[in-house]
Amino acid sequence: MERTPALSEPAPPSTGDCHFLRRRPPPALAGDVVDICDYRETRRAHFRQREAASLVVPLIVSFGDPFVIGLGRTAETHERYGTFAAGLFAGPVYIDSFGASACVQVNFTPRGARRFFGMPLSELTARMIPLDTLLGADAERLRERLALERAPVRRLDIVARFVAGRLAAAPPPCAAVGRAMAMVEFSRGRLPVGRIAAEIGWSRKHLNERFKAEIGLGPKAVARIVRLDATMHAIDEAPVRWAEIADQGGYSDQAHFIRECRTLTGISPAALQHVGALG
């Protein structure tokens, strides 16, 4: 009896499947925006993208079919999102589309998202929230303008001006949390939370609460993401000695490193290195 071959996993769109334009932010948005992207699919097919846990807060303005998104797992067909914002999530995100999605995406730093939305980022954590819920009528007006504009470069200009206008009117970020975040990043996620709290002059509990409000995740979760990113980017040799990489990254052993990688990205370190999932 012949066995039915397994269906292949949907793949990410290739260069020929979509038009993609990325722009770095202008100086006025530095520190608040990572980049702004225009994306449009050009071929009907089932695509699946897997994004590793990161410290980017995306805002998506859609003028095509919605995306199907699952946190930590492949999504159900009813989990459809068009124009929305998504908070941080300490795990992989699976994004399905079917060849007719088009959008402009603004990738905020946590600091920028906190200022742009004017709300505690803990309210966005592990959630996708429709943009009209967050911005009211401004969201629909922005979507309509982008849908009518045919030139990707001008769409990016429209979004950049919109973001800059809101940020110009926003209060400054919390300096103490900014300092704590800098300590996490400078130490590559290896500085104990208690040490950070002591340096700031806060209790661990207060640091955790303020960090979640300003960043979206607690300092320990953020440090895990930072440490994995730093560890993977430090790999510069072949063949890779994973036990040594784990030790240099501050993990208790190779098994710990592999578990953390699978938890945050959905795949093993070797697979992550192969696909370059951390950028």
Protein backbone atom coordinates (compact mmCIF):
# COMPACT_ATOMS: atom_id res chain seq x y z
CA MET A 1 0.00 0.00 0.00
CA GLU A 2 1.46 3.36 -1.03
CA ARG A 3 1.83 6.07 1.55
CA THR A 4 0.37 9.48 0.81
CA PRO A 5 3.21 12.03 0.74
CA ALA A 6 3.06 14.66 3.49
CA LEU A 7 2.00 18.11 2.47
CA SER A 8 4.87 20.55 2.47
CA GLU A 9 4.94 23.40 4.95
CA PRO A 10 3.97 26.79 3.45
CA ALA A 11 7.09 28.85 2.80
CA PRO A 12 7.75 32.58 3.23
CA PRO A 13 7.23 34.70 0.11
CA SER A 14 10.29 34.97 -2.10
CA THR A 15 11.48 38.00 -4.04
CA GLY A 16 9.22 37.12 -6.96
CA ASP A 17 6.15 36.75 -4.75
CA CYS A 18 5.97 40.29 -3.39
CA HIS A 19 7.10 43.88 -3.66
CA PHE A 20 8.94 45.04 -0.55
CA LEU A 21 10.41 48.44 0.26
CA ARG A 22 12.12 49.22 3.57
CA ARG A 23 13.12 52.68 4.78
CA ARG A 24 15.21 53.63 7.78
CA PRO A 25 13.60 56.34 9.91
CA PRO A 26 14.51 60.00 9.47
CA PRO A 27 16.62 61.54 12.27
CA ALA A 28 13.51 62.93 14.00
CA LEU A 29 12.27 59.38 14.60
CA ALA A 30 15.59 57.84 15.63
CA GLY A 31 15.28 55.83 18.84
CA ASP A 32 11.51 55.53 18.42
CA VAL A 33 11.18 53.81 15.03
CA VAL A 34 13.33 50.97 13.70
CA ASP A 35 12.08 51.15 10.12
CA ILE A 36 9.00 51.60 7.92
CA CYS A 37 8.10 49.03 5.26
CA ASP A 38 5.75 48.80 2.30
CA TYR A 39 4.68 45.25 1.42
CA ARG A 40 2.46 43.89 -1.34
CA GLU A 41 2.03 40.28 -2.45
CA THR A 42 1.94 39.66 -6.19
CA ARG A 43 1.32 35.91 -6.50
CA ARG A 44 -1.58 33.83 -5.23
CA ALA A 45 -0.19 31.19 -2.90
CA HIS A 46 -0.19 30.15 0.75
CA PHE A 47 2.75 31.82 2.50
CA ARG A 48 3.90 31.35 6.09
CA GLN A 49 6.39 33.52 7.93
CA ARG A 50 7.77 32.76 11.38
CA GLU A 51 9.14 35.65 13.38
CA ALA A 52 11.33 35.10 16.42
CA ALA A 53 10.66 36.95 19.66
CA SER A 54 12.01 40.48 19.33
CA LEU A 55 11.85 43.93 20.89
CA VAL A 56 9.94 45.44 17.96
CA VAL A 57 6.36 46.66 18.31
CA PRO A 58 4.72 46.60 14.86
CA LEU A 59 1.89 48.77 13.59
CA ILE A 60 0.28 47.42 10.41
CA VAL A 61 -2.00 49.47 8.16
CA SER A 62 -3.59 47.08 5.66
CA PHE A 63 -5.11 47.82 2.26
CA GLY A 64 -5.27 44.18 1.15
CA ASP A 65 -6.37 40.86 2.59
CA PRO A 66 -5.79 40.40 6.33
CA PHE A 67 -3.05 38.23 7.78
CA VAL A 68 -3.75 35.07 9.79
CA ILE A 69 -1.61 35.25 12.93
CA GLY A 70 -0.89 32.85 15.78
CA LEU A 71 1.24 33.50 18.86
CA GLY A 72 3.51 30.56 19.64
CA ARG A 73 1.68 28.30 17.17
CA THR A 74 0.24 28.21 13.69
CA ALA A 75 -2.98 30.20 13.58
CA GLU A 76 -6.55 29.11 13.05
CA THR A 77 -8.20 30.46 9.91
CA HIS A 78 -10.50 32.76 11.92
CA GLU A 79 -7.55 34.57 13.57
CA ARG A 80 -7.45 37.29 10.92
CA TYR A 81 -5.98 40.75 11.42
CA GLY A 82 -5.95 43.70 9.03
CA THR A 83 -5.03 47.10 10.45
CA PHE A 84 -3.69 46.58 13.96
CA ALA A 85 -0.86 46.97 16.44
CA ALA A 86 0.86 44.04 18.16
CA GLY A 87 2.65 44.03 21.48
CA LEU A 88 5.78 42.13 22.48
CA PHE A 89 5.53 38.37 22.86
CA ALA A 90 8.25 36.12 24.32
CA GLY A 91 7.88 33.45 21.67
CA PRO A 92 7.61 32.89 17.92
CA VAL A 93 4.82 34.44 15.85
CA TYR A 94 3.40 32.59 12.84
CA ILE A 95 1.94 34.71 10.03
CA ASP A 96 -0.03 33.19 7.14
CA SER A 97 -1.14 35.04 4.01
CA PHE A 98 -2.53 33.93 0.67
CA GLY A 99 -1.17 36.20 -2.01
CA ALA A 100 -3.37 39.26 -1.72
CA SER A 101 -2.04 40.98 1.40
CA ALA A 102 -0.73 44.54 1.19
CA CYS A 103 0.24 46.88 3.99
CA VAL A 104 2.53 49.52 5.39
CA GLN A 105 4.27 48.47 8.60
CA VAL A 106 5.91 50.72 11.16
CA ASN A 107 8.30 48.91 13.47
CA PHE A 108 8.58 50.82 16.74
CA THR A 109 11.06 50.43 19.53
CA PRO A 110 9.23 49.90 22.84
CA ARG A 111 10.05 53.50 23.77
CA GLY A 112 8.55 54.77 20.54
CA ALA A 113 5.44 52.61 20.84
CA ARG A 114 4.85 53.80 24.41
CA ARG A 115 5.01 57.42 23.26
CA PHE A 116 3.07 56.91 20.01
CA PHE A 117 0.13 55.03 21.53
CA GLY A 118 0.16 56.93 24.84
CA MET A 119 -0.77 53.84 26.84
CA PRO A 120 1.04 51.27 29.01
CA LEU A 121 2.56 48.72 26.65
CA SER A 122 1.50 45.97 29.06
CA GLU A 123 -1.98 46.47 27.56
CA LEU A 124 -0.60 45.34 24.19
CA THR A 125 1.54 42.45 25.42
CA ALA A 126 0.82 39.20 23.54
CA ARG A 127 -2.13 40.82 21.79
CA MET A 128 -3.13 42.17 18.38
CA ILE A 129 -5.48 45.15 18.78
CA PRO A 130 -7.34 46.86 15.90
CA LEU A 131 -5.81 50.25 15.21
CA ASP A 132 -9.15 52.08 15.32
CA THR A 133 -9.49 50.87 18.94
CA LEU A 134 -6.17 52.54 19.72
CA LEU A 135 -6.30 55.66 17.53
CA GLY A 136 -10.00 56.16 16.78
CA ALA A 137 -10.98 57.87 13.52
CA ASP A 138 -7.35 58.77 12.76
CA ALA A 139 -6.68 55.11 11.99
CA GLU A 140 -9.36 54.88 9.31
CA ARG A 141 -8.34 58.17 7.72
CA LEU A 142 -4.75 56.96 7.52
CA ARG A 143 -5.79 53.64 6.01
CA GLU A 144 -7.91 55.37 3.38
CA ARG A 145 -5.06 57.70 2.39
CA LEU A 146 -2.66 54.79 2.00
CA ALA A 147 -5.15 52.72 0.01
CA LEU A 148 -5.61 55.58 -2.49
CA GLU A 149 -1.88 56.24 -2.91
CA ARG A 150 -0.33 53.97 -5.55
CA ALA A 151 3.35 54.86 -5.10
CA PRO A 152 5.09 52.93 -2.28
CA VAL A 153 7.57 55.76 -1.66
CA ARG A 154 4.76 58.25 -1.09
CA ARG A 155 2.95 55.79 1.20
CA LEU A 156 6.06 55.65 3.35
CA ASP A 157 6.19 59.47 3.35
CA ILE A 158 2.56 59.66 4.52
CA VAL A 159 3.13 57.22 7.37
CA ALA A 160 6.39 58.85 8.45
CA ARG A 161 4.68 62.26 8.72
CA PHE A 162 1.77 60.74 10.64
CA VAL A 163 4.08 59.03 13.13
CA ALA A 164 6.27 62.11 13.51
CA GLY A 165 3.24 64.27 14.27
CA ARG A 166 2.06 62.04 17.10
CA LEU A 167 5.53 61.64 18.57
CA ALA A 168 6.12 65.39 18.52
CA ALA A 169 3.11 65.82 20.80
CA ALA A 170 4.01 62.92 23.11
CA PRO A 171 5.62 63.29 26.54
CA PRO A 172 9.28 62.25 26.92
CA PRO A 173 10.06 58.63 27.81
CA CYS A 174 10.72 57.47 31.36
CA ALA A 175 14.42 58.15 31.95
CA ALA A 176 14.82 55.52 34.68
CA VAL A 177 13.37 52.71 32.56
CA GLY A 178 15.50 53.91 29.65
CA ARG A 179 18.57 53.60 31.84
CA ALA A 180 17.51 50.12 32.98
CA MET A 181 16.92 49.05 29.39
CA ALA A 182 20.38 50.33 28.40
CA MET A 183 21.89 48.21 31.17
CA VAL A 184 20.10 45.11 29.88
CA GLU A 185 21.34 45.74 26.34
CA PHE A 186 24.91 46.69 27.32
CA SER A 187 25.26 43.51 29.41
CA ARG A 188 23.77 41.45 26.55
CA GLY A 189 21.02 40.30 28.85
CA ARG A 190 23.34 38.89 31.50
CA LEU A 191 23.05 41.48 34.28
CA PRO A 192 20.85 40.20 37.17
CA VAL A 193 17.54 42.03 37.61
CA GLY A 194 18.35 42.71 41.26
CA ARG A 195 21.55 44.50 40.24
CA ILE A 196 19.66 46.65 37.74
CA ALA A 197 17.02 47.54 40.33
CA ALA A 198 19.72 48.51 42.84
CA GLU A 199 21.45 50.73 40.28
CA ILE A 200 18.15 52.49 39.51
CA GLY A 201 17.24 52.79 43.19
CA TRP A 202 14.00 50.82 42.87
CA SER A 203 12.78 47.55 44.33
CA ARG A 204 12.69 44.57 42.00
CA LYS A 205 8.88 44.62 42.13
CA HIS A 206 8.68 48.29 41.18
CA LEU A 207 11.23 47.82 38.38
CA ASN A 208 9.23 44.90 37.01
CA GLU A 209 5.96 46.88 37.08
CA ARG A 210 7.43 49.97 35.43
CA PHE A 211 9.34 47.91 32.87
CA LYS A 212 6.16 46.12 31.80
CA ALA A 213 4.30 49.41 31.49
CA GLU A 214 7.04 51.11 29.45
CA ILE A 215 8.45 48.15 27.48
CA GLY A 216 5.68 45.54 27.43
CA LEU A 217 7.61 42.72 29.10
CA GLY A 218 9.43 42.47 32.41
CA PRO A 219 13.23 42.91 32.54
CA LYS A 220 13.87 39.17 32.84
CA ALA A 221 11.90 38.36 29.67
CA VAL A 222 13.55 41.23 27.80
CA ALA A 223 16.98 40.04 28.95
CA ARG A 224 16.25 36.55 27.57
CA ILE A 225 15.47 38.00 24.13
CA VAL A 226 18.55 40.25 24.23
CA ARG A 227 20.83 37.40 25.34
CA LEU A 228 19.69 35.02 22.61
CA ASP A 229 20.08 37.71 19.96
CA ALA A 230 23.57 38.59 21.18
CA THR A 231 24.59 34.93 21.39
CA MET A 232 23.46 34.10 17.86
CA HIS A 233 25.05 37.22 16.38
CA ALA A 234 28.36 36.36 18.05
CA ILE A 235 28.71 33.19 15.97
CA ASP A 236 31.51 33.77 13.47
CA GLU A 237 33.05 30.37 12.91
CA ALA A 238 32.29 27.09 11.17
CA PRO A 239 31.76 24.42 12.25
CA VAL A 240 29.88 25.81 15.24
CA ARG A 241 30.71 24.36 18.65
CA TRP A 242 27.33 24.79 20.29
CA ALA A 243 28.48 23.89 23.81
CA GLU A 244 31.08 26.68 23.65
CA ILE A 245 28.54 29.12 22.22
CA ALA A 246 26.14 28.30 25.06
CA ASP A 247 28.86 28.86 27.65
CA GLN A 248 29.95 32.16 26.12
CA GLY A 249 26.32 33.30 26.05
CA GLY A 250 25.92 32.70 29.76
CA TYR A 251 23.64 29.66 29.55
CA SER A 252 23.99 26.91 32.14
CA ASP A 253 24.66 24.31 29.45
CA GLN A 254 23.95 23.48 25.82
CA ALA A 255 20.55 21.99 26.64
CA HIS A 256 19.50 25.21 28.37
CA PHE A 257 20.57 27.21 25.32
CA ILE A 258 18.61 24.96 22.95
CA ARG A 259 15.48 25.14 25.12
CA GLU A 260 15.64 28.93 25.25
CA CYS A 261 16.11 29.14 21.50
CA ARG A 262 13.15 26.87 20.79
CA THR A 263 10.97 28.78 23.27
CA LEU A 264 11.76 32.19 21.80
CA THR A 265 12.04 31.32 18.10
CA GLY A 266 10.25 28.01 17.56
CA ILE A 267 13.35 26.28 16.12
CA SER A 268 16.79 25.04 17.17
CA PRO A 269 19.94 27.21 17.19
CA ALA A 270 21.29 25.36 14.14
CA ALA A 271 18.09 25.95 12.19
CA LEU A 272 18.01 29.56 13.34
CA GLN A 273 21.56 30.12 12.13
CA HIS A 274 20.68 28.56 8.77
CA VAL A 275 17.66 30.76 8.08
CA GLY A 276 19.08 33.89 9.73
CA ALA A 277 15.84 34.41 11.67
CA LEU A 278 17.30 37.02 14.00
CA GLY A 279 18.40 39.26 11.14
